[in-house]
């Protein structure tokens, strides 16, 4: 074998280009797979976070409604307001007086609390006042609960006598009221809290959520 025949043969330009193309293809496939995996993990975390926020919101709303007490309050205009009001015709979608306001610092205040729930620009809010009977200077302490809420509706059951269901135990809501407000023609007669409240929330990505809460006896 001559010296010329022992010279190693290098890669041709075509072979180099093919190798680079294969490497680029493998890199694209690997990146796409990694990107999809990261997107899936992020979507899962976001969904879990949304579910957690929703459960926290429903838990707090449940505690508020299950601890309603028949304690009317004085508003900032000096008017007596029922212990619970709600619906589109009310000043706020849901306002109520509840018990169980924990007082760990033994502050000189009541354990009753005046609470509000409302929807504003697809954000569900909860607020409370530091006192029950307020004046014009009493400020509402607001807390955002969950966003991307497209519906927040309530229905109120006046009495157990009006609770009806069919043979499949589906509740007939035709006798339920969409608003729970005082009768302006009888300002001295404030309505008692209803016996039950149905809450409907529609949350983007989570769909429609319905909850039925039975209130304590007044």
N, C-alpha and C. Protein backbone atom coordinates (compact mmCIF):
# COMPACT_ATOMS: atom_id res chain seq x y z
N UNK A 1 0.87 -1.20 0.00
CA UNK A 1 0.00 0.00 0.00
C UNK A 1 0.90 1.23 0.00
N UNK A 2 0.63 2.13 -0.88
CA UNK A 2 1.45 3.34 -1.01
C UNK A 2 1.05 4.37 0.03
N UNK A 3 1.88 5.41 0.21
CA UNK A 3 1.59 6.48 1.17
C UNK A 3 0.33 7.23 0.83
N UNK A 4 0.09 7.37 -0.49
CA UNK A 4 -1.13 8.09 -0.89
C UNK A 4 -2.37 7.34 -0.46
N UNK A 5 -2.28 6.00 -0.50
CA UNK A 5 -3.46 5.19 -0.16
C UNK A 5 -3.72 5.19 1.34
N UNK A 6 -2.67 5.53 2.18
CA UNK A 6 -2.83 5.54 3.62
C UNK A 6 -3.41 6.86 4.14
N UNK A 7 -3.55 7.85 3.32
CA UNK A 7 -4.13 9.13 3.74
C UNK A 7 -5.62 8.94 4.06
N UNK A 8 -6.06 9.38 5.32
CA UNK A 8 -7.46 9.21 5.73
C UNK A 8 -8.37 10.13 4.92
N UNK A 9 -9.47 9.55 4.57
CA UNK A 9 -10.45 10.28 3.76
C UNK A 9 -11.38 11.08 4.69
N UNK A 10 -11.54 12.40 4.48
CA UNK A 10 -12.41 13.24 5.31
C UNK A 10 -13.86 13.21 4.85
N UNK A 11 -14.75 13.93 5.66
CA UNK A 11 -16.17 14.02 5.30
C UNK A 11 -16.35 14.99 4.14
N UNK A 12 -17.26 14.63 3.31
CA UNK A 12 -17.61 15.53 2.21
C UNK A 12 -18.57 16.59 2.73
N UNK A 13 -18.75 17.65 1.97
CA UNK A 13 -19.65 18.74 2.35
C UNK A 13 -21.08 18.23 2.51
N UNK A 14 -21.49 17.33 1.63
CA UNK A 14 -22.85 16.79 1.69
C UNK A 14 -23.06 16.03 2.98
N UNK A 15 -22.04 15.21 3.37
CA UNK A 15 -22.17 14.44 4.61
C UNK A 15 -22.25 15.35 5.84
N UNK A 16 -21.45 16.41 5.81
CA UNK A 16 -21.49 17.37 6.92
C UNK A 16 -22.87 18.03 7.01
N UNK A 17 -23.41 18.42 5.87
CA UNK A 17 -24.73 19.05 5.86
C UNK A 17 -25.81 18.09 6.35
N UNK A 18 -25.73 16.82 5.95
CA UNK A 18 -26.71 15.82 6.40
C UNK A 18 -26.62 15.63 7.92
N UNK A 19 -25.39 15.55 8.45
CA UNK A 19 -25.20 15.39 9.89
C UNK A 19 -25.76 16.59 10.65
N UNK A 20 -25.52 17.79 10.12
CA UNK A 20 -26.05 18.99 10.77
C UNK A 20 -27.58 19.00 10.74
N UNK A 21 -28.17 18.56 9.63
CA UNK A 21 -29.63 18.53 9.52
C UNK A 21 -30.22 17.54 10.51
N UNK A 22 -29.58 16.37 10.64
CA UNK A 22 -30.07 15.37 11.59
C UNK A 22 -29.97 15.90 13.02
N UNK A 23 -28.83 16.53 13.33
CA UNK A 23 -28.66 17.10 14.67
C UNK A 23 -29.71 18.16 14.97
N UNK A 24 -29.97 19.02 13.97
CA UNK A 24 -30.98 20.07 14.15
C UNK A 24 -32.36 19.47 14.36
N UNK A 25 -32.69 18.40 13.60
CA UNK A 25 -33.98 17.75 13.72
C UNK A 25 -34.15 17.14 15.10
N UNK A 26 -33.11 16.44 15.56
CA UNK A 26 -33.16 15.83 16.89
C UNK A 26 -33.34 16.91 17.96
N UNK A 27 -32.64 18.05 17.80
CA UNK A 27 -32.75 19.15 18.76
C UNK A 27 -34.16 19.72 18.79
N UNK A 28 -34.76 19.89 17.60
CA UNK A 28 -36.12 20.42 17.52
C UNK A 28 -37.10 19.48 18.20
N UNK A 29 -36.97 18.17 17.90
CA UNK A 29 -37.87 17.18 18.51
C UNK A 29 -37.70 17.18 20.03
N UNK A 30 -36.45 17.21 20.49
CA UNK A 30 -36.19 17.20 21.93
C UNK A 30 -36.76 18.46 22.59
N UNK A 31 -36.57 19.62 21.96
CA UNK A 31 -37.07 20.87 22.52
C UNK A 31 -38.60 20.87 22.55
N UNK A 32 -39.22 20.36 21.47
CA UNK A 32 -40.69 20.32 21.42
C UNK A 32 -41.23 19.44 22.54
N UNK A 33 -40.58 18.29 22.75
CA UNK A 33 -41.02 17.40 23.83
C UNK A 33 -40.86 18.04 25.19
N UNK A 34 -39.71 18.70 25.39
CA UNK A 34 -39.47 19.37 26.67
C UNK A 34 -40.45 20.52 26.88
N UNK A 35 -40.70 21.28 25.81
CA UNK A 35 -41.64 22.40 25.90
C UNK A 35 -43.05 21.91 26.24
N UNK A 36 -43.47 20.80 25.57
CA UNK A 36 -44.79 20.24 25.86
C UNK A 36 -44.89 19.76 27.30
N UNK A 37 -43.82 19.13 27.78
CA UNK A 37 -43.82 18.64 29.16
C UNK A 37 -43.90 19.80 30.16
N UNK A 38 -43.13 20.87 29.89
CA UNK A 38 -43.16 22.03 30.77
C UNK A 38 -44.52 22.72 30.73
N UNK A 39 -45.09 22.81 29.53
CA UNK A 39 -46.42 23.44 29.41
C UNK A 39 -47.47 22.63 30.15
N UNK A 40 -47.38 21.30 30.02
CA UNK A 40 -48.32 20.44 30.73
C UNK A 40 -48.19 20.57 32.23
N UNK A 41 -46.94 20.64 32.72
CA UNK A 41 -46.72 20.80 34.16
C UNK A 41 -47.24 22.15 34.65
N UNK A 42 -47.01 23.19 33.86
CA UNK A 42 -47.49 24.52 34.24
C UNK A 42 -49.01 24.57 34.24
N UNK A 43 -49.62 23.94 33.22
CA UNK A 43 -51.08 23.89 33.16
C UNK A 43 -51.65 23.14 34.35
N UNK A 44 -50.99 22.05 34.73
CA UNK A 44 -51.44 21.27 35.88
C UNK A 44 -51.33 22.08 37.16
N UNK A 45 -50.21 22.80 37.33
CA UNK A 45 -50.04 23.64 38.51
C UNK A 45 -51.08 24.74 38.55
N UNK A 46 -51.34 25.36 37.38
CA UNK A 46 -52.34 26.42 37.33
C UNK A 46 -53.73 25.89 37.67
N UNK A 47 -54.08 24.71 37.14
CA UNK A 47 -55.38 24.11 37.43
C UNK A 47 -55.50 23.76 38.90
N UNK A 48 -54.42 23.22 39.46
CA UNK A 48 -54.44 22.87 40.88
C UNK A 48 -54.59 24.12 41.75
N UNK A 49 -53.90 25.20 41.34
CA UNK A 49 -54.00 26.46 42.08
C UNK A 49 -55.40 27.03 42.01
N UNK A 50 -56.02 26.96 40.82
CA UNK A 50 -57.39 27.46 40.66
C UNK A 50 -58.36 26.66 41.50
N UNK A 51 -58.19 25.34 41.50
CA UNK A 51 -59.06 24.49 42.31
C UNK A 51 -58.90 24.80 43.79
N UNK A 52 -57.66 25.04 44.20
CA UNK A 52 -57.40 25.38 45.60
C UNK A 52 -58.07 26.71 45.96
N UNK A 53 -57.94 27.72 45.09
CA UNK A 53 -58.57 29.02 45.34
C UNK A 53 -60.08 28.87 45.42
N UNK A 54 -60.65 28.04 44.53
CA UNK A 54 -62.10 27.84 44.54
C UNK A 54 -62.55 27.17 45.83
N UNK A 55 -61.82 26.15 46.27
CA UNK A 55 -62.19 25.47 47.50
C UNK A 55 -62.09 26.39 48.70
N UNK A 56 -61.07 27.23 48.73
CA UNK A 56 -60.95 28.20 49.81
C UNK A 56 -62.12 29.18 49.80
N UNK A 57 -62.48 29.64 48.60
CA UNK A 57 -63.60 30.58 48.47
C UNK A 57 -64.90 29.95 48.94
N UNK A 58 -65.19 28.74 48.46
CA UNK A 58 -66.43 28.07 48.84
C UNK A 58 -66.44 27.74 50.33
N UNK A 59 -65.27 27.41 50.88
CA UNK A 59 -65.21 27.11 52.31
C UNK A 59 -65.54 28.33 53.15
N UNK A 60 -65.01 29.49 52.77
CA UNK A 60 -65.29 30.71 53.51
C UNK A 60 -66.74 31.14 53.33
N UNK A 61 -67.25 31.03 52.11
CA UNK A 61 -68.65 31.37 51.86
C UNK A 61 -69.57 30.45 52.66
N UNK A 62 -69.22 29.17 52.73
CA UNK A 62 -70.01 28.22 53.50
C UNK A 62 -70.04 28.59 54.98
N UNK A 63 -68.88 28.94 55.53
CA UNK A 63 -68.83 29.32 56.95
C UNK A 63 -69.66 30.57 57.22
N UNK A 64 -69.61 31.53 56.28
CA UNK A 64 -70.40 32.75 56.45
C UNK A 64 -71.90 32.42 56.51
N UNK A 65 -72.36 31.62 55.56
CA UNK A 65 -73.79 31.34 55.47
C UNK A 65 -74.27 30.41 56.59
N UNK A 66 -73.44 29.47 56.98
CA UNK A 66 -73.85 28.52 58.01
C UNK A 66 -73.81 29.13 59.41
N UNK A 67 -73.27 30.34 59.53
CA UNK A 67 -73.21 31.00 60.83
C UNK A 67 -74.01 32.31 60.85
N UNK A 68 -74.98 32.42 59.94
CA UNK A 68 -75.83 33.61 59.90
C UNK A 68 -76.63 33.73 61.20
N UNK A 69 -76.70 34.94 61.72
CA UNK A 69 -77.52 35.22 62.90
C UNK A 69 -78.48 36.36 62.55
N UNK A 70 -79.63 36.35 63.20
CA UNK A 70 -80.65 37.36 62.92
C UNK A 70 -80.33 38.62 63.73
N UNK A 71 -79.34 39.35 63.24
CA UNK A 71 -78.93 40.59 63.88
C UNK A 71 -78.88 41.69 62.82
N UNK A 72 -79.99 42.47 62.70
CA UNK A 72 -79.96 43.61 61.78
C UNK A 72 -78.88 44.60 62.20
N UNK A 73 -78.47 45.44 61.25
CA UNK A 73 -77.43 46.43 61.54
C UNK A 73 -77.90 47.81 61.10
N UNK A 74 -77.15 48.82 61.54
CA UNK A 74 -77.38 50.20 61.11
C UNK A 74 -76.35 50.53 60.04
N UNK A 75 -76.82 50.99 58.87
CA UNK A 75 -75.88 51.30 57.79
C UNK A 75 -75.32 52.71 57.96
N UNK A 76 -74.51 53.13 56.98
CA UNK A 76 -73.86 54.44 57.06
C UNK A 76 -74.83 55.61 56.94
N UNK A 77 -76.08 55.33 56.55
CA UNK A 77 -77.10 56.38 56.44
C UNK A 77 -78.02 56.40 57.65
N UNK A 78 -77.72 55.57 58.65
CA UNK A 78 -78.53 55.51 59.85
C UNK A 78 -79.79 54.67 59.71
N UNK A 79 -79.88 53.86 58.66
CA UNK A 79 -81.05 53.02 58.42
C UNK A 79 -80.79 51.60 58.92
N UNK A 80 -81.86 50.98 59.46
CA UNK A 80 -81.76 49.59 59.87
C UNK A 80 -81.82 48.69 58.63
N UNK A 81 -80.91 47.73 58.58
CA UNK A 81 -80.78 46.82 57.44
C UNK A 81 -80.98 45.39 57.94
N UNK A 82 -81.69 44.56 57.19
CA UNK A 82 -81.92 43.17 57.63
C UNK A 82 -80.63 42.41 57.87
N UNK A 83 -80.73 41.35 58.65
CA UNK A 83 -79.56 40.53 58.95
C UNK A 83 -78.96 39.93 57.69
N UNK A 84 -79.79 39.67 56.71
CA UNK A 84 -79.30 39.15 55.42
C UNK A 84 -80.08 39.78 54.29
N UNK A 85 -79.35 40.25 53.30
CA UNK A 85 -79.96 40.76 52.07
C UNK A 85 -79.15 40.22 50.89
N UNK A 86 -79.80 40.13 49.73
CA UNK A 86 -79.06 39.65 48.58
C UNK A 86 -79.87 39.70 47.31
N UNK A 87 -79.19 39.45 46.19
CA UNK A 87 -79.82 39.47 44.89
C UNK A 87 -79.50 40.75 44.13
N UNK A 88 -79.95 40.80 42.88
CA UNK A 88 -79.67 41.94 42.01
C UNK A 88 -80.30 43.23 42.53
N UNK A 89 -81.40 43.15 43.28
CA UNK A 89 -82.08 44.34 43.77
C UNK A 89 -81.49 44.86 45.08
N UNK A 90 -80.60 44.10 45.68
CA UNK A 90 -79.98 44.52 46.93
C UNK A 90 -78.80 45.44 46.64
N UNK A 91 -78.37 46.17 47.66
CA UNK A 91 -77.23 47.07 47.49
C UNK A 91 -75.98 46.29 47.12
N UNK A 92 -75.81 45.12 47.71
CA UNK A 92 -74.70 44.21 47.41
C UNK A 92 -75.28 42.84 47.15
N UNK A 93 -74.63 42.03 46.30
CA UNK A 93 -75.18 40.73 45.95
C UNK A 93 -75.49 39.88 47.17
N UNK A 94 -74.63 39.95 48.20
CA UNK A 94 -74.91 39.22 49.43
C UNK A 94 -74.31 39.99 50.60
N UNK A 95 -75.15 40.31 51.59
CA UNK A 95 -74.71 40.93 52.83
C UNK A 95 -75.34 40.17 53.98
N UNK A 96 -74.58 39.93 55.02
CA UNK A 96 -75.12 39.15 56.14
C UNK A 96 -74.35 39.44 57.43
N UNK A 97 -75.01 39.11 58.53
CA UNK A 97 -74.37 39.14 59.84
C UNK A 97 -74.10 37.71 60.26
N UNK A 98 -72.88 37.41 60.61
CA UNK A 98 -72.49 36.06 60.97
C UNK A 98 -71.84 36.03 62.35
N UNK A 99 -71.92 34.88 62.98
CA UNK A 99 -71.25 34.66 64.26
C UNK A 99 -69.88 34.03 64.01
N UNK A 100 -69.15 33.82 65.09
CA UNK A 100 -67.90 33.08 64.99
C UNK A 100 -66.71 33.89 64.53
N UNK A 101 -66.76 35.23 64.66
CA UNK A 101 -65.60 36.06 64.29
C UNK A 101 -64.56 35.90 65.37
N UNK A 102 -63.53 35.14 65.07
CA UNK A 102 -62.53 34.78 66.08
C UNK A 102 -61.81 36.03 66.60
N UNK A 103 -61.65 36.09 67.91
CA UNK A 103 -61.03 37.26 68.55
C UNK A 103 -59.84 36.78 69.39
N UNK A 104 -58.75 36.43 68.70
CA UNK A 104 -57.59 35.87 69.39
C UNK A 104 -56.85 36.89 70.24
N UNK A 105 -57.01 38.20 69.94
CA UNK A 105 -56.30 39.23 70.69
C UNK A 105 -57.15 39.83 71.81
N UNK A 106 -58.35 39.29 72.01
CA UNK A 106 -59.26 39.78 73.05
C UNK A 106 -59.54 41.28 72.90
N UNK A 107 -59.68 41.72 71.64
CA UNK A 107 -59.98 43.12 71.37
C UNK A 107 -61.40 43.43 71.83
N UNK A 108 -61.65 44.68 72.20
CA UNK A 108 -63.00 45.06 72.67
C UNK A 108 -63.99 45.18 71.51
N UNK A 109 -64.38 44.05 70.97
CA UNK A 109 -65.33 44.03 69.86
C UNK A 109 -66.21 42.81 69.95
N UNK A 110 -67.26 42.82 69.13
CA UNK A 110 -68.18 41.69 69.10
C UNK A 110 -67.59 40.53 68.31
N UNK A 111 -68.09 39.34 68.59
CA UNK A 111 -67.71 38.18 67.78
C UNK A 111 -68.63 38.03 66.58
N UNK A 112 -69.60 38.94 66.44
CA UNK A 112 -70.43 38.99 65.24
C UNK A 112 -69.74 39.87 64.20
N UNK A 113 -70.00 39.58 62.95
CA UNK A 113 -69.31 40.29 61.86
C UNK A 113 -70.27 40.54 60.71
N UNK A 114 -70.19 41.73 60.16
CA UNK A 114 -70.99 42.07 58.99
C UNK A 114 -70.14 41.83 57.75
N UNK A 115 -70.66 40.99 56.84
CA UNK A 115 -69.88 40.51 55.69
C UNK A 115 -70.61 40.84 54.40
N UNK A 116 -69.84 41.07 53.35
CA UNK A 116 -70.39 41.29 52.01
C UNK A 116 -69.67 40.40 51.00
N UNK A 117 -70.41 39.94 49.99
CA UNK A 117 -69.85 39.24 48.84
C UNK A 117 -70.39 39.91 47.58
N UNK A 118 -69.52 40.13 46.60
CA UNK A 118 -69.97 40.73 45.35
C UNK A 118 -69.00 40.39 44.22
N UNK A 119 -69.49 40.58 43.00
CA UNK A 119 -68.71 40.31 41.79
C UNK A 119 -68.44 41.64 41.09
N UNK A 120 -67.16 41.87 40.80
CA UNK A 120 -66.77 43.11 40.13
C UNK A 120 -65.69 42.82 39.10
N UNK A 121 -66.03 43.05 37.83
CA UNK A 121 -65.09 42.84 36.72
C UNK A 121 -64.50 41.42 36.77
N UNK A 122 -65.39 40.45 36.92
CA UNK A 122 -65.04 39.03 36.94
C UNK A 122 -64.13 38.65 38.10
N UNK A 123 -64.12 39.46 39.13
CA UNK A 123 -63.39 39.16 40.36
C UNK A 123 -64.40 39.04 41.50
N UNK A 124 -64.39 37.89 42.19
CA UNK A 124 -65.27 37.72 43.34
C UNK A 124 -64.57 38.27 44.57
N UNK A 125 -65.30 39.12 45.30
CA UNK A 125 -64.74 39.79 46.46
C UNK A 125 -65.51 39.43 47.72
N UNK A 126 -64.81 39.46 48.84
CA UNK A 126 -65.43 39.37 50.16
C UNK A 126 -64.96 40.57 50.97
N UNK A 127 -65.87 41.19 51.68
CA UNK A 127 -65.50 42.32 52.51
C UNK A 127 -66.18 42.22 53.87
N UNK A 128 -65.61 42.86 54.86
CA UNK A 128 -66.24 42.91 56.18
C UNK A 128 -65.99 44.26 56.82
N UNK A 129 -66.88 44.63 57.72
CA UNK A 129 -66.75 45.88 58.45
C UNK A 129 -66.18 45.59 59.84
N UNK A 130 -65.40 46.51 60.38
CA UNK A 130 -64.84 46.30 61.71
C UNK A 130 -65.87 46.38 62.83
N UNK A 131 -67.04 46.95 62.53
CA UNK A 131 -68.13 47.05 63.51
C UNK A 131 -69.43 46.66 62.83
N UNK A 132 -70.44 46.33 63.63
CA UNK A 132 -71.73 45.98 63.06
C UNK A 132 -72.50 47.23 62.64
N UNK A 133 -72.72 48.14 63.57
CA UNK A 133 -73.46 49.37 63.28
C UNK A 133 -72.45 50.45 62.91
N UNK A 134 -72.46 50.85 61.66
CA UNK A 134 -71.41 51.72 61.15
C UNK A 134 -71.90 53.15 60.96
N UNK A 135 -70.94 54.01 60.70
CA UNK A 135 -71.21 55.41 60.41
C UNK A 135 -70.61 55.72 59.04
N UNK A 136 -70.70 56.96 58.63
CA UNK A 136 -70.20 57.34 57.30
C UNK A 136 -68.68 57.14 57.20
N UNK A 137 -67.98 57.11 58.33
CA UNK A 137 -66.54 56.94 58.28
C UNK A 137 -66.07 55.50 58.40
N UNK A 138 -66.99 54.56 58.50
CA UNK A 138 -66.61 53.16 58.65
C UNK A 138 -66.21 52.60 57.28
N UNK A 139 -65.00 52.07 57.20
CA UNK A 139 -64.49 51.57 55.92
C UNK A 139 -64.65 50.06 55.82
N UNK A 140 -64.98 49.61 54.63
CA UNK A 140 -65.09 48.19 54.33
C UNK A 140 -63.69 47.62 54.06
N UNK A 141 -63.36 46.52 54.71
CA UNK A 141 -62.09 45.85 54.49
C UNK A 141 -62.30 44.79 53.41
N UNK A 142 -61.69 44.97 52.24
CA UNK A 142 -61.97 44.14 51.07
C UNK A 142 -60.87 43.11 50.83
N UNK A 143 -61.30 41.91 50.39
CA UNK A 143 -60.35 40.84 50.09
C UNK A 143 -60.75 40.18 48.77
N UNK A 144 -59.87 40.17 47.75
CA UNK A 144 -60.18 39.44 46.51
C UNK A 144 -60.11 37.94 46.76
N UNK A 145 -61.09 37.21 46.20
CA UNK A 145 -61.16 35.78 46.45
C UNK A 145 -60.71 34.94 45.25
N UNK A 146 -61.39 35.07 44.12
CA UNK A 146 -61.04 34.29 42.94
C UNK A 146 -61.45 35.08 41.70
N UNK A 147 -60.62 34.99 40.65
CA UNK A 147 -60.88 35.78 39.45
C UNK A 147 -61.47 34.90 38.34
N UNK A 148 -61.75 35.55 37.21
CA UNK A 148 -62.36 34.89 36.05
C UNK A 148 -63.70 34.25 36.41
N UNK A 149 -64.47 34.92 37.25
CA UNK A 149 -65.82 34.49 37.59
C UNK A 149 -66.79 35.24 36.69
N UNK A 150 -67.53 34.53 35.87
CA UNK A 150 -68.42 35.18 34.91
C UNK A 150 -69.86 35.28 35.40
N UNK A 151 -70.23 34.50 36.42
CA UNK A 151 -71.59 34.57 36.99
C UNK A 151 -71.53 34.37 38.50
N UNK A 152 -72.37 35.14 39.18
CA UNK A 152 -72.54 34.98 40.62
C UNK A 152 -74.00 35.27 40.90
N UNK A 153 -74.78 34.21 41.14
CA UNK A 153 -76.21 34.35 41.33
C UNK A 153 -76.64 33.64 42.61
N UNK A 154 -77.75 34.12 43.16
CA UNK A 154 -78.27 33.56 44.40
C UNK A 154 -79.77 33.30 44.26
N UNK A 155 -80.23 32.29 44.99
CA UNK A 155 -81.66 32.05 45.14
C UNK A 155 -81.93 31.77 46.61
N UNK A 156 -83.10 32.23 47.07
CA UNK A 156 -83.42 32.18 48.49
C UNK A 156 -84.72 31.41 48.71
N UNK A 157 -84.69 30.49 49.66
CA UNK A 157 -85.88 29.72 50.02
C UNK A 157 -86.51 30.36 51.25
N UNK A 158 -87.73 30.90 51.13
CA UNK A 158 -88.35 31.62 52.26
C UNK A 158 -88.66 30.73 53.46
N UNK A 159 -89.20 29.52 53.21
CA UNK A 159 -89.59 28.64 54.32
C UNK A 159 -89.54 27.19 53.85
N UNK A 160 -89.44 26.29 54.82
CA UNK A 160 -89.39 24.87 54.49
C UNK A 160 -90.69 24.38 53.87
N UNK A 161 -91.79 25.08 54.13
CA UNK A 161 -93.07 24.70 53.54
C UNK A 161 -93.05 24.82 52.02
N UNK A 162 -92.16 25.65 51.51
CA UNK A 162 -92.07 25.85 50.06
C UNK A 162 -90.99 25.00 49.40
N UNK A 163 -90.40 24.11 50.18
CA UNK A 163 -89.38 23.22 49.63
C UNK A 163 -90.05 22.01 48.99
N UNK A 164 -89.91 21.88 47.69
CA UNK A 164 -90.53 20.79 46.95
C UNK A 164 -89.50 20.13 46.04
N UNK A 165 -89.69 18.85 45.78
CA UNK A 165 -88.82 18.10 44.87
C UNK A 165 -89.64 17.05 44.16
N UNK A 166 -89.12 16.54 43.03
CA UNK A 166 -89.84 15.53 42.28
C UNK A 166 -89.46 14.14 42.77
N UNK A 167 -89.92 13.11 42.08
CA UNK A 167 -89.67 11.74 42.51
C UNK A 167 -88.20 11.36 42.44
N UNK A 168 -87.40 12.14 41.70
CA UNK A 168 -85.96 11.89 41.61
C UNK A 168 -85.17 12.75 42.58
N UNK A 169 -85.89 13.39 43.52
CA UNK A 169 -85.28 14.26 44.53
C UNK A 169 -84.61 15.49 43.92
N UNK A 170 -85.06 15.90 42.74
CA UNK A 170 -84.58 17.15 42.13
C UNK A 170 -85.40 18.30 42.71
N UNK A 171 -84.73 19.28 43.28
CA UNK A 171 -85.42 20.38 43.95
C UNK A 171 -86.12 21.28 42.94
N UNK A 172 -87.38 21.58 43.23
CA UNK A 172 -88.16 22.51 42.42
C UNK A 172 -87.88 23.92 42.94
N UNK A 173 -87.24 24.74 42.13
CA UNK A 173 -86.82 26.07 42.56
C UNK A 173 -87.77 27.17 42.08
N UNK A 174 -88.92 26.81 41.58
CA UNK A 174 -89.82 27.83 41.06
C UNK A 174 -90.36 28.74 42.15
N UNK A 175 -90.42 28.27 43.38
CA UNK A 175 -90.92 29.09 44.48
C UNK A 175 -89.80 29.84 45.19
N UNK A 176 -88.56 29.60 44.78
CA UNK A 176 -87.44 30.30 45.39
C UNK A 176 -87.39 31.74 44.88
N UNK A 177 -86.85 32.63 45.68
CA UNK A 177 -86.79 34.04 45.31
C UNK A 177 -85.39 34.41 44.85
N UNK A 178 -85.32 35.29 43.85
CA UNK A 178 -84.03 35.74 43.33
C UNK A 178 -83.48 36.94 44.09
N UNK A 179 -84.34 37.57 44.91
CA UNK A 179 -83.90 38.71 45.71
C UNK A 179 -84.43 38.57 47.14
N UNK A 180 -83.61 39.00 48.08
CA UNK A 180 -84.02 38.98 49.48
C UNK A 180 -83.73 40.37 50.05
N UNK A 181 -84.75 41.21 49.99
CA UNK A 181 -84.61 42.61 50.40
C UNK A 181 -85.81 43.00 51.24
N UNK A 182 -85.65 44.11 51.93
CA UNK A 182 -86.74 44.62 52.76
C UNK A 182 -87.85 45.20 51.88
N UNK A 183 -89.07 45.10 52.37
CA UNK A 183 -90.23 45.68 51.69
C UNK A 183 -90.27 47.17 52.03
N UNK A 184 -90.03 48.01 51.03
CA UNK A 184 -89.96 49.44 51.28
C UNK A 184 -91.29 50.02 51.74
N UNK A 185 -92.39 49.32 51.46
CA UNK A 185 -93.69 49.80 51.90
C UNK A 185 -93.92 49.53 53.38
N UNK A 186 -93.07 48.67 53.98
CA UNK A 186 -93.17 48.36 55.40
C UNK A 186 -91.78 48.47 56.03
N UNK A 187 -91.30 49.70 56.15
CA UNK A 187 -89.91 49.91 56.62
C UNK A 187 -89.65 49.41 58.04
N UNK A 188 -90.68 49.26 58.84
CA UNK A 188 -90.48 48.83 60.23
C UNK A 188 -90.46 47.30 60.36
N UNK A 189 -90.72 46.59 59.28
CA UNK A 189 -90.75 45.13 59.33
C UNK A 189 -89.60 44.57 58.47
N UNK A 190 -88.54 44.20 59.12
CA UNK A 190 -87.39 43.66 58.41
C UNK A 190 -87.57 42.15 58.23
N UNK A 191 -87.24 41.63 57.06
CA UNK A 191 -87.40 40.20 56.83
C UNK A 191 -86.37 39.38 57.62
N UNK A 192 -86.80 38.22 58.11
CA UNK A 192 -85.87 37.29 58.73
C UNK A 192 -84.99 36.67 57.65
N UNK A 193 -83.86 36.11 58.01
CA UNK A 193 -83.06 35.41 57.00
C UNK A 193 -83.84 34.24 56.41
N UNK A 194 -83.59 33.89 55.17
CA UNK A 194 -84.25 32.72 54.56
C UNK A 194 -83.77 31.44 55.25
N UNK A 195 -84.42 30.33 54.91
CA UNK A 195 -84.03 29.06 55.52
C UNK A 195 -82.91 28.39 54.72
N UNK A 196 -82.76 28.79 53.46
CA UNK A 196 -81.70 28.20 52.64
C UNK A 196 -81.31 29.17 51.54
N UNK A 197 -80.07 29.07 51.09
CA UNK A 197 -79.56 29.89 50.00
C UNK A 197 -78.83 28.99 49.01
N UNK A 198 -79.17 29.15 47.73
CA UNK A 198 -78.44 28.45 46.69
C UNK A 198 -77.50 29.44 46.01
N UNK A 199 -76.25 29.05 45.88
CA UNK A 199 -75.23 29.89 45.25
C UNK A 199 -74.82 29.27 43.93
N UNK A 200 -74.78 30.07 42.88
CA UNK A 200 -74.32 29.63 41.57
C UNK A 200 -73.12 30.48 41.17
N UNK A 201 -72.01 29.80 40.91
CA UNK A 201 -70.81 30.45 40.41
C UNK A 201 -70.43 29.82 39.08
N UNK A 202 -70.05 30.64 38.14
CA UNK A 202 -69.49 30.13 36.88
C UNK A 202 -68.08 30.68 36.75
N UNK A 203 -67.11 29.76 36.76
CA UNK A 203 -65.70 30.14 36.77
C UNK A 203 -65.05 29.64 35.50
N UNK A 204 -64.34 30.52 34.80
CA UNK A 204 -63.67 30.14 33.56
C UNK A 204 -62.69 29.01 33.82
N UNK A 205 -62.80 27.96 33.02
CA UNK A 205 -61.92 26.82 33.16
C UNK A 205 -62.41 25.77 34.13
N UNK A 206 -63.38 26.13 34.98
CA UNK A 206 -63.90 25.18 35.97
C UNK A 206 -65.39 24.93 35.81
N UNK A 207 -66.04 25.73 34.99
CA UNK A 207 -67.45 25.50 34.71
C UNK A 207 -68.38 26.07 35.77
N UNK A 208 -69.59 25.52 35.80
CA UNK A 208 -70.63 26.00 36.70
C UNK A 208 -70.60 25.22 38.01
N UNK A 209 -70.64 25.95 39.11
CA UNK A 209 -70.64 25.34 40.44
C UNK A 209 -71.88 25.79 41.18
N UNK A 210 -72.65 24.84 41.69
CA UNK A 210 -73.84 25.13 42.50
C UNK A 210 -73.64 24.58 43.91
N UNK A 211 -74.01 25.37 44.90
CA UNK A 211 -73.96 24.93 46.28
C UNK A 211 -75.25 25.36 46.98
N UNK A 212 -75.78 24.46 47.81
CA UNK A 212 -76.99 24.74 48.57
C UNK A 212 -76.63 24.77 50.05
N UNK A 213 -76.96 25.87 50.73
CA UNK A 213 -76.63 26.04 52.12
C UNK A 213 -77.91 26.20 52.93
N UNK A 214 -78.06 25.39 53.95
CA UNK A 214 -79.16 25.52 54.89
C UNK A 214 -78.70 26.44 56.02
N UNK A 215 -79.47 27.47 56.29
CA UNK A 215 -79.09 28.45 57.29
C UNK A 215 -79.60 28.05 58.67
N UNK A 216 -78.94 28.54 59.72
CA UNK A 216 -79.43 28.24 61.07
C UNK A 216 -80.82 28.82 61.29
N UNK A 217 -81.59 28.19 62.16
CA UNK A 217 -82.93 28.68 62.47
C UNK A 217 -82.83 30.04 63.14
N UNK A 218 -83.66 30.96 62.70
CA UNK A 218 -83.63 32.32 63.27
C UNK A 218 -84.28 32.35 64.64
